[in-house]
PDB file of N, CA and C in Angstrom:
ATOM      1  N   MET A   1      26.126  -9.132   2.149  1.00  0.00           N
ATOM      2  CA  MET A   1      26.341  -7.722   2.352  1.00  0.00           C
ATOM      3  C   MET A   1      26.494  -7.045   1.001  1.00  0.00           C
ATOM      4  N   VAL A   2      25.923  -5.865   0.877  1.00  0.00           N
ATOM      5  CA  VAL A   2      26.055  -5.049  -0.323  1.00  0.00           C
ATOM      6  C   VAL A   2      26.875  -3.832   0.059  1.00  0.00           C
ATOM      7  N   GLU A   3      27.870  -3.532  -0.748  1.00  0.00           N
ATOM      8  CA  GLU A   3      28.732  -2.383  -0.464  1.00  0.00           C
ATOM      9  C   GLU A   3      28.699  -1.405  -1.619  1.00  0.00           C
ATOM     10  N   SER A   4      28.813  -0.131  -1.290  1.00  0.00           N
ATOM     11  CA  SER A   4      28.955   0.904  -2.299  1.00  0.00           C
ATOM     12  C   SER A   4      30.082   1.820  -1.839  1.00  0.00           C
ATOM     13  N   VAL A   5      30.334   2.860  -2.605  1.00  0.00           N
ATOM     14  CA  VAL A   5      31.379   3.807  -2.233  1.00  0.00           C
ATOM     15  C   VAL A   5      31.038   4.481  -0.910  1.00  0.00           C
ATOM     16  N   LYS A   6      29.741   4.721  -0.666  1.00  0.00           N
ATOM     17  CA  LYS A   6      29.320   5.467   0.511  1.00  0.00           C
ATOM     18  C   LYS A   6      28.843   4.605   1.678  1.00  0.00           C
ATOM     19  N   ALA A   7      28.458   3.371   1.428  1.00  0.00           N
ATOM     20  CA  ALA A   7      27.846   2.595   2.511  1.00  0.00           C
ATOM     21  C   ALA A   7      27.954   1.093   2.265  1.00  0.00           C
ATOM     22  N   ALA A   8      27.689   0.359   3.315  1.00  0.00           N
ATOM     23  CA  ALA A   8      27.581  -1.100   3.239  1.00  0.00           C
ATOM     24  C   ALA A   8      26.361  -1.487   4.055  1.00  0.00           C
ATOM     25  N   SER A   9      25.588  -2.428   3.545  1.00  0.00           N
ATOM     26  CA  SER A   9      24.403  -2.844   4.291  1.00  0.00           C
ATOM     27  C   SER A   9      24.079  -4.302   4.011  1.00  0.00           C
ATOM     28  N   GLU A  10      23.344  -4.888   4.920  1.00  0.00           N
ATOM     29  CA  GLU A  10      22.913  -6.272   4.788  1.00  0.00           C
ATOM     30  C   GLU A  10      21.791  -6.364   3.756  1.00  0.00           C
ATOM     31  N   VAL A  11      21.651  -7.513   3.151  1.00  0.00           N
ATOM     32  CA  VAL A  11      20.542  -7.782   2.245  1.00  0.00           C
ATOM     33  C   VAL A  11      19.611  -8.737   2.973  1.00  0.00           C
ATOM     34  N   TYR A  12      18.351  -8.362   3.078  1.00  0.00           N
ATOM     35  CA  TYR A  12      17.361  -9.190   3.751  1.00  0.00           C
ATOM     36  C   TYR A  12      16.424  -9.794   2.718  1.00  0.00           C
ATOM     37  N   ALA A  13      16.234 -11.090   2.801  1.00  0.00           N
ATOM     38  CA  ALA A  13      15.347 -11.776   1.868  1.00  0.00           C
ATOM     39  C   ALA A  13      13.963 -11.924   2.490  1.00  0.00           C
ATOM     40  N   PRO A  14      12.908 -11.728   1.702  1.00  0.00           N
ATOM     41  CA  PRO A  14      11.550 -11.843   2.222  1.00  0.00           C
ATOM     42  C   PRO A  14      11.047 -13.282   2.304  1.00  0.00           C
ATOM     43  N   ALA A  15      11.872 -14.231   1.874  1.00  0.00           N
ATOM     44  CA  ALA A  15      11.488 -15.643   1.918  1.00  0.00           C
ATOM     45  C   ALA A  15      12.737 -16.472   2.223  1.00  0.00           C
ATOM     46  N   SER A  16      12.530 -17.615   2.834  1.00  0.00           N
ATOM     47  CA  SER A  16      13.665 -18.457   3.202  1.00  0.00           C
ATOM     48  C   SER A  16      13.993 -19.440   2.093  1.00  0.00           C
ATOM     49  N   GLY A  17      15.235 -19.885   2.090  1.00  0.00           N
ATOM     50  CA  GLY A  17      15.648 -20.857   1.089  1.00  0.00           C
ATOM     51  C   GLY A  17      17.153 -20.960   0.995  1.00  0.00           C
ATOM     52  N   GLU A  18      17.604 -21.613  -0.063  1.00  0.00           N
ATOM     53  CA  GLU A  18      19.020 -21.847  -0.296  1.00  0.00           C
ATOM     54  C   GLU A  18      19.476 -21.018  -1.494  1.00  0.00           C
ATOM     55  N   VAL A  19      20.581 -20.285  -1.324  1.00  0.00           N
ATOM     56  CA  VAL A  19      21.145 -19.527  -2.437  1.00  0.00           C
ATOM     57  C   VAL A  19      21.730 -20.522  -3.429  1.00  0.00           C
ATOM     58  N   ILE A  20      21.271 -20.459  -4.681  1.00  0.00           N
ATOM     59  CA  ILE A  20      21.758 -21.393  -5.695  1.00  0.00           C
ATOM     60  C   ILE A  20      22.580 -20.707  -6.783  1.00  0.00           C
ATOM     61  N   ALA A  21      22.568 -19.370  -6.829  1.00  0.00           N
ATOM     62  CA  ALA A  21      23.377 -18.633  -7.799  1.00  0.00           C
ATOM     63  C   ALA A  21      23.602 -17.215  -7.293  1.00  0.00           C
ATOM     64  N   VAL A  22      24.779 -16.684  -7.595  1.00  0.00           N
ATOM     65  CA  VAL A  22      25.144 -15.312  -7.256  1.00  0.00           C
ATOM     66  C   VAL A  22      25.568 -14.631  -8.548  1.00  0.00           C
ATOM     67  N   ASN A  23      25.112 -13.420  -8.771  1.00  0.00           N
ATOM     68  CA  ASN A  23      25.442 -12.676  -9.983  1.00  0.00           C
ATOM     69  C   ASN A  23      26.836 -12.068  -9.837  1.00  0.00           C
ATOM     70  N   GLU A  24      27.838 -12.801 -10.260  1.00  0.00           N
ATOM     71  CA  GLU A  24      29.234 -12.371 -10.147  1.00  0.00           C
ATOM     72  C   GLU A  24      29.528 -11.141 -11.000  1.00  0.00           C
ATOM     73  N   GLU A  25      28.740 -10.902 -12.036  1.00  0.00           N
ATOM     74  CA  GLU A  25      28.980  -9.765 -12.928  1.00  0.00           C
ATOM     75  C   GLU A  25      28.762  -8.423 -12.228  1.00  0.00           C
ATOM     76  N   LEU A  26      28.050  -8.424 -11.118  1.00  0.00           N
ATOM     77  CA  LEU A  26      27.823  -7.172 -10.388  1.00  0.00           C
ATOM     78  C   LEU A  26      29.100  -6.627  -9.770  1.00  0.00           C
ATOM     79  N   ALA A  27      30.069  -7.484  -9.527  1.00  0.00           N
ATOM     80  CA  ALA A  27      31.332  -7.016  -8.954  1.00  0.00           C
ATOM     81  C   ALA A  27      32.008  -6.021  -9.888  1.00  0.00           C
ATOM     82  N   ASP A  28      31.918  -6.263 -11.192  1.00  0.00           N
ATOM     83  CA  ASP A  28      32.531  -5.370 -12.176  1.00  0.00           C
ATOM     84  C   ASP A  28      31.589  -4.278 -12.668  1.00  0.00           C
ATOM     85  N   GLU A  29      30.283  -4.542 -12.605  1.00  0.00           N
ATOM     86  CA  GLU A  29      29.289  -3.585 -13.091  1.00  0.00           C
ATOM     87  C   GLU A  29      28.131  -3.446 -12.105  1.00  0.00           C
ATOM     88  N   PRO A  30      28.368  -2.850 -10.936  1.00  0.00           N
ATOM     89  CA  PRO A  30      27.302  -2.746  -9.932  1.00  0.00           C
ATOM     90  C   PRO A  30      26.124  -1.889 -10.377  1.00  0.00           C
ATOM     91  N   GLY A  31      26.314  -1.036 -11.355  1.00  0.00           N
ATOM     92  CA  GLY A  31      25.237  -0.186 -11.852  1.00  0.00           C
ATOM     93  C   GLY A  31      24.098  -0.960 -12.491  1.00  0.00           C
ATOM     94  N   ARG A  32      24.348  -2.236 -12.820  1.00  0.00           N
ATOM     95  CA  ARG A  32      23.292  -3.067 -13.392  1.00  0.00           C
ATOM     96  C   ARG A  32      22.092  -3.189 -12.452  1.00  0.00           C
ATOM     97  N   VAL A  33      22.351  -3.144 -11.163  1.00  0.00           N
ATOM     98  CA  VAL A  33      21.271  -3.277 -10.179  1.00  0.00           C
ATOM     99  C   VAL A  33      20.219  -2.197 -10.408  1.00  0.00           C
ATOM    100  N   ASN A  34      20.649  -0.992 -10.669  1.00  0.00           N
ATOM    101  CA  ASN A  34      19.714   0.107 -10.906  1.00  0.00           C
ATOM    102  C   ASN A  34      19.288   0.198 -12.361  1.00  0.00           C
ATOM    103  N   ALA A  35      20.184  -0.099 -13.284  1.00  0.00           N
ATOM    104  CA  ALA A  35      19.888   0.068 -14.705  1.00  0.00           C
ATOM    105  C   ALA A  35      18.961  -1.017 -15.247  1.00  0.00           C
ATOM    106  N   THR A  36      19.190  -2.259 -14.860  1.00  0.00           N
ATOM    107  CA  THR A  36      18.407  -3.369 -15.419  1.00  0.00           C
ATOM    108  C   THR A  36      18.069  -4.397 -14.336  1.00  0.00           C
ATOM    109  N   PRO A  37      17.335  -3.979 -13.306  1.00  0.00           N
ATOM    110  CA  PRO A  37      17.061  -4.893 -12.188  1.00  0.00           C
ATOM    111  C   PRO A  37      16.197  -6.100 -12.550  1.00  0.00           C
ATOM    112  N   LEU A  38      15.384  -5.993 -13.585  1.00  0.00           N
ATOM    113  CA  LEU A  38      14.488  -7.097 -13.939  1.00  0.00           C
ATOM    114  C   LEU A  38      15.108  -8.082 -14.921  1.00  0.00           C
ATOM    115  N   THR A  39      16.305  -7.766 -15.425  1.00  0.00           N
ATOM    116  CA  THR A  39      16.947  -8.679 -16.370  1.00  0.00           C
ATOM    117  C   THR A  39      18.286  -9.171 -15.834  1.00  0.00           C
ATOM    118  N   ASP A  40      19.352  -8.381 -16.004  1.00  0.00           N
ATOM    119  CA  ASP A  40      20.661  -8.866 -15.567  1.00  0.00           C
ATOM    120  C   ASP A  40      21.205  -8.139 -14.338  1.00  0.00           C
ATOM    121  N   GLY A  41      20.349  -7.403 -13.617  1.00  0.00           N
ATOM    122  CA  GLY A  41      20.781  -6.701 -12.422  1.00  0.00           C
ATOM    123  C   GLY A  41      20.421  -7.413 -11.134  1.00  0.00           C
ATOM    124  N   TRP A  42      20.156  -8.705 -11.211  1.00  0.00           N
ATOM    125  CA  TRP A  42      19.768  -9.477 -10.028  1.00  0.00           C
ATOM    126  C   TRP A  42      20.977  -9.762  -9.135  1.00  0.00           C
ATOM    127  N   PHE A  43      20.735  -9.904  -7.831  1.00  0.00           N
ATOM    128  CA  PHE A  43      21.800 -10.205  -6.865  1.00  0.00           C
ATOM    129  C   PHE A  43      22.050 -11.705  -6.762  1.00  0.00           C
ATOM    130  N   LEU A  44      20.966 -12.446  -6.510  1.00  0.00           N
ATOM    131  CA  LEU A  44      21.105 -13.878  -6.295  1.00  0.00           C
ATOM    132  C   LEU A  44      19.821 -14.597  -6.635  1.00  0.00           C
ATOM    133  N   LYS A  45      19.933 -15.909  -6.768  1.00  0.00           N
ATOM    134  CA  LYS A  45      18.758 -16.750  -7.006  1.00  0.00           C
ATOM    135  C   LYS A  45      18.631 -17.700  -5.826  1.00  0.00           C
ATOM    136  N   ILE A  46      17.396 -17.903  -5.395  1.00  0.00           N
ATOM    137  CA  ILE A  46      17.124 -18.713  -4.209  1.00  0.00           C
ATOM    138  C   ILE A  46      16.178 -19.857  -4.561  1.00  0.00           C
ATOM    139  N   ARG A  47      16.516 -21.045  -4.085  1.00  0.00           N
ATOM    140  CA  ARG A  47      15.564 -22.169  -4.135  1.00  0.00           C
ATOM    141  C   ARG A  47      14.744 -22.056  -2.863  1.00  0.00           C
ATOM    142  N   LEU A  48      13.479 -21.751  -3.008  1.00  0.00           N
ATOM    143  CA  LEU A  48      12.619 -21.489  -1.863  1.00  0.00           C
ATOM    144  C   LEU A  48      12.406 -22.722  -0.993  1.00  0.00           C
ATOM    145  N   SER A  49      12.380 -22.500   0.309  1.00  0.00           N
ATOM    146  CA  SER A  49      12.052 -23.563   1.256  1.00  0.00           C
ATOM    147  C   SER A  49      10.548 -23.764   1.347  1.00  0.00           C
ATOM    148  N   ASP A  50       9.818 -22.652   1.259  1.00  0.00           N
ATOM    149  CA  ASP A  50       8.361 -22.694   1.401  1.00  0.00           C
ATOM    150  C   ASP A  50       7.745 -21.628   0.500  1.00  0.00           C
ATOM    151  N   GLU A  51       7.196 -22.036  -0.617  1.00  0.00           N
ATOM    152  CA  GLU A  51       6.611 -21.081  -1.562  1.00  0.00           C
ATOM    153  C   GLU A  51       5.447 -20.299  -0.969  1.00  0.00           C
ATOM    154  N   ASN A  52       4.829 -20.802   0.076  1.00  0.00           N
ATOM    155  CA  ASN A  52       3.728 -20.083   0.721  1.00  0.00           C
ATOM    156  C   ASN A  52       4.178 -18.755   1.306  1.00  0.00           C
ATOM    157  N   GLU A  53       5.464 -18.609   1.595  1.00  0.00           N
ATOM    158  CA  GLU A  53       5.980 -17.335   2.115  1.00  0.00           C
ATOM    159  C   GLU A  53       5.791 -16.203   1.109  1.00  0.00           C
ATOM    160  N   LEU A  54       5.672 -16.537  -0.160  1.00  0.00           N
ATOM    161  CA  LEU A  54       5.497 -15.515  -1.189  1.00  0.00           C
ATOM    162  C   LEU A  54       4.105 -14.890  -1.155  1.00  0.00           C
ATOM    163  N   GLN A  55       3.160 -15.553  -0.531  1.00  0.00           N
ATOM    164  CA  GLN A  55       1.782 -15.058  -0.483  1.00  0.00           C
ATOM    165  C   GLN A  55       1.657 -13.729   0.250  1.00  0.00           C
ATOM    166  N   THR A  56       2.602 -13.410   1.122  1.00  0.00           N
ATOM    167  CA  THR A  56       2.538 -12.164   1.891  1.00  0.00           C
ATOM    168  C   THR A  56       3.201 -10.993   1.167  1.00  0.00           C
ATOM    169  N   LEU A  57       3.799 -11.251   0.016  1.00  0.00           N
ATOM    170  CA  LEU A  57       4.515 -10.200  -0.707  1.00  0.00           C
ATOM    171  C   LEU A  57       3.601  -9.464  -1.675  1.00  0.00           C
ATOM    172  N   MET A  58       3.968  -8.225  -1.995  1.00  0.00           N
ATOM    173  CA  MET A  58       3.238  -7.454  -2.993  1.00  0.00           C
ATOM    174  C   MET A  58       3.609  -7.934  -4.386  1.00  0.00           C
ATOM    175  N   ASP A  59       2.654  -7.848  -5.324  1.00  0.00           N
ATOM    176  CA  ASP A  59       3.004  -8.069  -6.716  1.00  0.00           C
ATOM    177  C   ASP A  59       3.483  -6.727  -7.280  1.00  0.00           C
ATOM    178  N   GLU A  60       3.904  -6.714  -8.545  1.00  0.00           N
ATOM    179  CA  GLU A  60       4.469  -5.485  -9.103  1.00  0.00           C
ATOM    180  C   GLU A  60       3.462  -4.336  -9.104  1.00  0.00           C
ATOM    181  N   LYS A  61       2.195  -4.633  -9.421  1.00  0.00           N
ATOM    182  CA  LYS A  61       1.165  -3.586  -9.445  1.00  0.00           C
ATOM    183  C   LYS A  61       1.007  -2.958  -8.057  1.00  0.00           C
ATOM    184  N   GLU A  62       0.927  -3.779  -7.031  1.00  0.00           N
ATOM    185  CA  GLU A  62       0.790  -3.262  -5.661  1.00  0.00           C
ATOM    186  C   GLU A  62       2.014  -2.432  -5.263  1.00  0.00           C
ATOM    187  N   TYR A  63       3.188  -2.887  -5.677  1.00  0.00           N
ATOM    188  CA  TYR A  63       4.417  -2.159  -5.349  1.00  0.00           C
ATOM    189  C   TYR A  63       4.439  -0.797  -6.037  1.00  0.00           C
ATOM    190  N   GLN A  64       4.055  -0.756  -7.308  1.00  0.00           N
ATOM    191  CA  GLN A  64       4.028   0.521  -8.037  1.00  0.00           C
ATOM    192  C   GLN A  64       3.023   1.481  -7.401  1.00  0.00           C
ATOM    193  N   GLU A  65       1.886   0.964  -6.962  1.00  0.00           N
ATOM    194  CA  GLU A  65       0.890   1.803  -6.276  1.00  0.00           C
ATOM    195  C   GLU A  65       1.458   2.370  -4.973  1.00  0.00           C
ATOM    196  N   LEU A  66       2.176   1.532  -4.249  1.00  0.00           N
ATOM    197  CA  LEU A  66       2.821   1.999  -3.016  1.00  0.00           C
ATOM    198  C   LEU A  66       3.802   3.132  -3.318  1.00  0.00           C
ATOM    199  N   LEU A  67       4.626   2.955  -4.336  1.00  0.00           N
ATOM    200  CA  LEU A  67       5.590   3.995  -4.687  1.00  0.00           C
ATOM    201  C   LEU A  67       4.904   5.300  -5.053  1.00  0.00           C
ATOM    202  N   ARG A  68       3.826   5.213  -5.824  1.00  0.00           N
ATOM    203  CA  ARG A  68       3.077   6.423  -6.193  1.00  0.00           C
ATOM    204  C   ARG A  68       2.502   7.109  -4.959  1.00  0.00           C
ATOM    205  N   SER A  69       2.049   6.329  -3.995  1.00  0.00           N
ATOM    206  CA  SER A  69       1.438   6.924  -2.800  1.00  0.00           C
ATOM    207  C   SER A  69       2.491   7.604  -1.910  1.00  0.00           C
ATOM    208  N   LEU A  70       3.732   7.228  -2.050  1.00  0.00           N
ATOM    209  CA  LEU A  70       4.794   7.810  -1.221  1.00  0.00           C
ATOM    210  C   LEU A  70       5.382   9.076  -1.824  1.00  0.00           C
ATOM    211  N   SER A  71       5.103   9.323  -3.107  1.00  0.00           N
ATOM    212  CA  SER A  71       5.700  10.520  -3.738  1.00  0.00           C
ATOM    213  C   SER A  71       4.759  11.693  -3.773  1.00  0.00           C
TER     214      SER A  71
END
């Protein structure tokens, strides 16, 4: 679960696996998620059960194109 001052919501993973690390630093600095999501703003690390599940996901280029099309 992710909580903020205004809301709490579940986190859904697009692939199955085992959580092997949790970013404890977010408890003290939750703004890292928005400020530096590609470096130290990560939530957790997962050891994947099936890497083939990643084949259905967008890569960064596809995701950026989607964002542009929505604005």
